Amino acid sequence: MLRVITINTNGIRSASQKGFFNWMKEQNPDFVCIQELKAQESDISENIRNCPGYNFYAHYAAKKGYSGCAVYSKEKADRVRLGFGIEEFDNEGRYVELSFKNFILISVYFPSGSSSDERQQAKFRFLEVFLPHLRELKKTGKEILVCGDVNIAHKEIDIKNWKGNLKNSGFLPEERAWMTNLFDNEGWFDIFRKLDKRPEQYTWWSNRGQARAKNVGWRIDYQIGTPLICDAATNASIYKEERFSDHAPLIIDYLFSPEHES
């Protein structure tokens, strides 16, 4: 059994202070994919970096207190890649890739376009270059699991107030079409949706008003996989009992085992 957790921590130090690592220990995951570290390497304390039983791999943004991705992995990776070769986004610390003999795990943080049109254009550029990267990865023949904050709610079921967000970043037609193409034409699968087809299953809520209490949310955090890893998924859940961030952890279990290169 493989347990994979993904969460945007909105600052890993903040999440730590809210008890995230105590909860993580109870979950006993094989991999934890983190987005939005909001920290530089020098900011990461020893107790965060050296989580007992885990190897820690991180991609930090050049800009202080911004973005950043990481993976906690029980298994030491055969190879680690930080960034996917596009300078604009690699400077923002958006990608960690762990490679095993039969498996690739990725923690990725897609840009948000909500702050300005300039950032929305950056998000479109990211989508344009990330898809060819995913195609290249598939050529390895390995099973691939892409975990992260995609900053896109794919369908109406994935957002509470879909009618009011049709012109807002995260639910724009172009963004949703990119996701549809990924799942319908490119051979990738939205693993949570394979296991749980219920409405009102969200992973992010605005800090404004009573959004979380009223469950006025968005499902923008995903585990996206190739066919065999998707078929190996057995259980999915969104953990909302404690609040570590404005996002909730997405947990999926798989009947799958990464193999090491000999």
Protein backbone atom coordinates (compact mmCIF):
# COMPACT_ATOMS: atom_id res chain seq x y z
CA MET A 1 0.00 0.00 0.00
CA LEU A 2 1.24 3.47 -0.93
CA ARG A 3 -0.21 6.53 0.81
CA VAL A 4 0.31 9.88 -0.90
CA ILE A 5 -0.68 13.23 0.56
CA THR A 6 -0.60 16.57 -1.22
CA ILE A 7 -1.19 19.97 0.40
CA ASN A 8 -0.57 23.62 -0.27
CA THR A 9 0.65 24.68 3.18
CA ASN A 10 0.50 28.44 2.49
CA GLY A 11 3.79 28.60 4.40
CA ILE A 12 5.36 25.43 5.74
CA ARG A 13 6.49 27.12 8.95
CA SER A 14 2.91 28.28 9.60
CA ALA A 15 1.55 24.79 8.96
CA SER A 16 4.13 23.34 11.32
CA GLN A 17 2.97 25.67 14.09
CA LYS A 18 -0.62 24.52 13.48
CA GLY A 19 0.28 20.87 14.09
CA PHE A 20 0.73 19.64 10.54
CA PHE A 21 3.71 17.41 11.27
CA ASN A 22 2.02 15.76 14.24
CA TRP A 23 -0.90 14.92 11.96
CA MET A 24 1.45 13.76 9.20
CA LYS A 25 3.12 11.34 11.60
CA GLU A 26 -0.28 9.84 12.46
CA GLN A 27 -1.07 9.38 8.76
CA ASN A 28 2.19 7.51 8.12
CA PRO A 29 2.32 8.46 4.42
CA ASP A 30 4.92 7.22 1.96
CA PHE A 31 5.06 10.58 0.18
CA VAL A 32 3.94 14.06 1.16
CA CYS A 33 3.93 16.66 -1.60
CA ILE A 34 4.07 20.25 -0.36
CA GLN A 35 3.36 23.42 -2.29
CA GLU A 36 3.86 27.05 -1.30
CA LEU A 37 6.70 26.66 1.18
CA LYS A 38 7.03 30.46 1.45
CA ALA A 39 10.57 29.93 2.72
CA GLN A 40 14.18 29.84 1.63
CA GLU A 41 16.51 27.00 2.51
CA SER A 42 17.98 29.09 5.34
CA ASP A 43 14.48 29.55 6.80
CA ILE A 44 13.79 25.82 7.12
CA SER A 45 14.45 24.62 10.65
CA GLU A 46 16.08 21.29 11.38
CA ASN A 47 12.85 19.79 12.73
CA ILE A 48 11.09 20.58 9.43
CA ARG A 49 13.97 19.47 7.20
CA ASN A 50 14.80 16.34 9.17
CA CYS A 51 11.38 14.80 9.68
CA PRO A 52 12.10 11.33 11.18
CA GLY A 53 11.81 8.55 8.64
CA TYR A 54 11.73 10.82 5.59
CA ASN A 55 14.03 12.22 2.96
CA PHE A 56 13.32 15.89 2.22
CA TYR A 57 13.65 17.34 -1.28
CA ALA A 58 12.84 21.01 -1.89
CA HIS A 59 12.80 23.53 -4.72
CA TYR A 60 12.97 27.07 -3.37
CA ALA A 61 11.93 30.24 -5.17
CA ALA A 62 14.50 32.93 -5.84
CA LYS A 63 12.09 35.48 -4.36
CA LYS A 64 12.10 35.43 -0.58
CA GLY A 65 8.94 34.18 1.14
CA TYR A 66 7.36 33.09 -2.13
CA SER A 67 6.13 29.86 -3.71
CA GLY A 68 8.40 26.80 -3.33
CA CYS A 69 7.71 23.05 -3.50
CA ALA A 70 8.89 20.00 -1.60
CA VAL A 71 8.46 16.26 -1.15
CA TYR A 72 8.87 14.14 1.97
CA SER A 73 9.65 10.61 0.87
CA LYS A 74 10.18 7.47 2.94
CA GLU A 75 12.10 6.00 0.01
CA LYS A 76 15.29 7.66 -1.11
CA ALA A 77 14.80 8.61 -4.76
CA ASP A 78 17.06 7.18 -7.45
CA ARG A 79 17.12 10.62 -9.10
CA VAL A 80 15.83 14.06 -8.12
CA ARG A 81 15.00 16.92 -10.46
CA LEU A 82 14.28 20.44 -9.21
CA GLY A 83 12.56 22.52 -11.85
CA PHE A 84 11.44 21.32 -15.28
CA GLY A 85 13.74 23.39 -17.47
CA ILE A 86 11.76 26.60 -17.99
CA GLU A 87 13.69 29.44 -16.32
CA GLU A 88 10.71 31.70 -15.69
CA PHE A 89 9.00 29.08 -13.56
CA ASP A 90 12.07 27.32 -12.19
CA ASN A 91 13.03 30.65 -10.59
CA GLU A 92 9.70 30.49 -8.75
CA GLY A 93 10.41 27.06 -7.21
CA ARG A 94 7.42 25.23 -8.65
CA TYR A 95 8.60 21.66 -9.32
CA VAL A 96 10.13 18.65 -7.55
CA GLU A 97 10.43 15.32 -9.36
CA LEU A 98 11.50 12.04 -7.75
CA SER A 99 12.35 9.17 -10.06
CA PHE A 100 12.38 5.44 -9.32
CA LYS A 101 12.78 2.43 -11.58
CA ASN A 102 9.07 2.13 -12.35
CA PHE A 103 7.62 5.36 -10.98
CA ILE A 104 7.91 9.14 -11.08
CA LEU A 105 6.40 11.34 -8.35
CA ILE A 106 6.00 15.07 -8.84
CA SER A 107 5.06 17.91 -6.53
CA VAL A 108 4.05 20.94 -8.61
CA TYR A 109 2.61 24.36 -7.89
CA PHE A 110 0.82 25.94 -10.86
CA PRO A 111 0.79 29.75 -10.88
CA SER A 112 -2.27 31.63 -9.72
CA GLY A 113 -3.61 34.31 -12.01
CA SER A 114 -5.95 35.94 -9.53
CA SER A 115 -3.75 38.87 -8.49
CA SER A 116 -3.38 40.54 -11.90
CA ASP A 117 -3.70 40.06 -15.65
CA GLU A 118 0.10 39.86 -15.77
CA ARG A 119 0.04 36.80 -13.50
CA GLN A 120 -2.81 35.29 -15.48
CA GLN A 121 -0.70 35.55 -18.61
CA ALA A 122 2.14 33.83 -16.73
CA LYS A 123 -0.30 31.07 -15.80
CA PHE A 124 -1.26 30.61 -19.46
CA ARG A 125 2.45 30.43 -20.36
CA PHE A 126 2.93 27.77 -17.68
CA LEU A 127 0.09 25.66 -19.06
CA GLU A 128 1.54 25.99 -22.55
CA VAL A 129 4.99 24.69 -21.57
CA PHE A 130 3.96 22.17 -18.92
CA LEU A 131 1.90 19.99 -21.24
CA PRO A 132 4.85 19.17 -23.56
CA HIS A 133 6.87 18.37 -20.43
CA LEU A 134 4.23 15.87 -19.32
CA ARG A 135 4.27 14.30 -22.76
CA GLU A 136 8.03 13.82 -22.54
CA LEU A 137 7.71 12.21 -19.12
CA LYS A 138 5.22 9.68 -20.46
CA LYS A 139 7.80 8.56 -22.99
CA THR A 140 9.83 7.07 -20.11
CA GLY A 141 7.22 4.32 -19.83
CA LYS A 142 7.09 4.76 -16.06
CA GLU A 143 3.96 5.25 -14.02
CA ILE A 144 3.68 8.92 -13.09
CA LEU A 145 1.83 10.68 -10.28
CA VAL A 146 1.56 14.46 -10.46
CA CYS A 147 0.50 15.99 -7.14
CA GLY A 148 -0.15 19.61 -6.46
CA ASP A 149 -2.06 22.83 -6.39
CA VAL A 150 -3.16 23.26 -9.99
CA ASN A 151 -5.14 26.46 -9.25
CA ILE A 152 -7.91 25.30 -11.60
CA ALA A 153 -11.35 23.95 -10.70
CA HIS A 154 -12.07 21.68 -13.64
CA LYS A 155 -15.87 21.34 -13.71
CA GLU A 156 -18.93 22.93 -12.16
CA ILE A 157 -18.99 20.15 -9.56
CA ASP A 158 -15.54 21.31 -8.40
CA ILE A 159 -16.58 24.80 -7.29
CA LYS A 160 -19.48 25.96 -5.15
CA ASN A 161 -20.25 29.25 -6.88
CA TRP A 162 -19.48 28.31 -10.47
CA LYS A 163 -21.86 30.80 -12.06
CA GLY A 164 -20.20 33.70 -10.26
CA ASN A 165 -16.68 32.61 -11.23
CA LEU A 166 -16.98 31.99 -14.97
CA LYS A 167 -14.78 35.04 -15.67
CA ASN A 168 -12.40 34.57 -12.75
CA SER A 169 -8.94 33.01 -12.73
CA GLY A 170 -9.12 29.38 -11.74
CA PHE A 171 -12.38 28.76 -13.59
CA LEU A 172 -11.74 30.42 -16.94
CA PRO A 173 -12.84 28.49 -20.05
CA GLU A 174 -9.25 28.28 -21.33
CA GLU A 175 -7.99 26.82 -18.05
CA ARG A 176 -10.80 24.30 -17.82
CA ALA A 177 -10.27 23.31 -21.46
CA TRP A 178 -6.61 22.60 -20.67
CA MET A 179 -7.71 20.21 -17.93
CA THR A 180 -10.31 18.57 -20.17
CA ASN A 181 -7.69 17.97 -22.84
CA LEU A 182 -5.32 16.51 -20.25
CA PHE A 183 -7.91 13.97 -19.09
CA ASP A 184 -9.76 13.28 -22.33
CA ASN A 185 -6.96 13.32 -24.90
CA GLU A 186 -3.56 13.08 -23.20
CA GLY A 187 -4.06 9.89 -21.19
CA TRP A 188 -4.01 11.32 -17.67
CA PHE A 189 -6.57 10.74 -14.92
CA ASP A 190 -8.09 12.84 -12.13
CA ILE A 191 -7.68 10.16 -9.48
CA PHE A 192 -9.84 11.74 -6.79
CA ARG A 193 -12.76 11.95 -9.21
CA LYS A 194 -12.31 8.32 -10.20
CA LEU A 195 -12.91 7.35 -6.57
CA ASP A 196 -15.29 10.06 -5.35
CA LYS A 197 -17.96 11.52 -7.62
CA ARG A 198 -19.83 13.42 -4.92
CA PRO A 199 -20.40 17.18 -5.23
CA GLU A 200 -19.11 19.74 -2.72
CA GLN A 201 -15.73 18.04 -2.24
CA TYR A 202 -13.35 20.99 -2.02
CA THR A 203 -9.70 21.51 -1.08
CA TRP A 204 -9.48 25.32 -0.84
CA TRP A 205 -11.62 28.04 0.71
CA SER A 206 -11.20 31.78 0.69
CA ASN A 207 -10.23 33.34 4.01
CA ARG A 208 -12.97 35.91 3.47
CA GLY A 209 -16.27 35.66 5.27
CA GLN A 210 -17.40 32.21 6.38
CA ALA A 211 -16.29 30.38 3.23
CA ARG A 212 -14.82 27.37 5.02
CA ALA A 213 -17.59 27.09 7.60
CA LYS A 214 -20.20 27.23 4.83
CA ASN A 215 -18.11 24.99 2.52
CA VAL A 216 -18.04 27.61 -0.23
CA GLY A 217 -14.93 26.14 -1.78
CA TRP A 218 -12.94 25.08 -4.81
CA ARG A 219 -11.30 21.74 -5.64
CA ILE A 220 -7.96 22.90 -7.03
CA ASP A 221 -5.56 20.34 -5.48
CA TYR A 222 -5.08 17.14 -7.45
CA GLN A 223 -3.36 13.81 -7.78
CA ILE A 224 -3.14 13.21 -11.52
CA GLY A 225 -1.82 9.89 -12.78
CA THR A 226 -1.10 7.61 -15.68
CA PRO A 227 -3.50 4.65 -16.22
CA LEU A 228 -1.92 1.94 -14.02
CA ILE A 229 -1.34 4.20 -11.03
CA CYS A 230 -4.92 5.44 -11.38
CA ASP A 231 -6.22 1.86 -11.48
CA ALA A 232 -4.17 1.11 -8.34
CA ALA A 233 -5.96 3.83 -6.32
CA THR A 234 -8.20 2.40 -3.62
CA ASN A 235 -9.27 5.23 -1.34
CA ALA A 236 -9.37 9.03 -1.41
CA SER A 237 -10.21 11.61 1.23
CA ILE A 238 -9.91 15.31 1.96
CA TYR A 239 -8.93 16.00 5.56
CA LYS A 240 -10.85 18.96 7.00
CA GLU A 241 -11.00 18.24 10.74
CA GLU A 242 -7.97 20.41 11.46
CA ARG A 243 -6.91 23.57 9.65
CA PHE A 244 -3.25 23.71 8.70
CA SER A 245 -3.73 26.12 5.79
CA ASP A 246 -6.42 27.63 3.56
CA HIS A 247 -6.07 24.32 1.67
CA ALA A 248 -6.93 20.86 3.01
CA PRO A 249 -4.71 17.80 2.53
CA LEU A 250 -5.75 15.40 -0.22
CA ILE A 251 -4.97 11.78 0.73
CA ILE A 252 -5.02 8.86 -1.71
CA ASP A 253 -3.99 5.24 -1.11
CA TYR A 254 -2.64 3.01 -3.88
CA LEU A 255 -1.92 -0.69 -4.27
CA PHE A 256 1.43 0.14 -5.80
CA SER A 257 5.09 -0.05 -4.82
CA PRO A 258 7.96 2.00 -6.30
CA GLU A 259 10.91 -0.14 -7.34
CA HIS A 260 14.51 1.01 -7.14
CA GLU A 261 16.94 0.83 -10.01
CA SER A 262 19.44 -2.01 -9.61
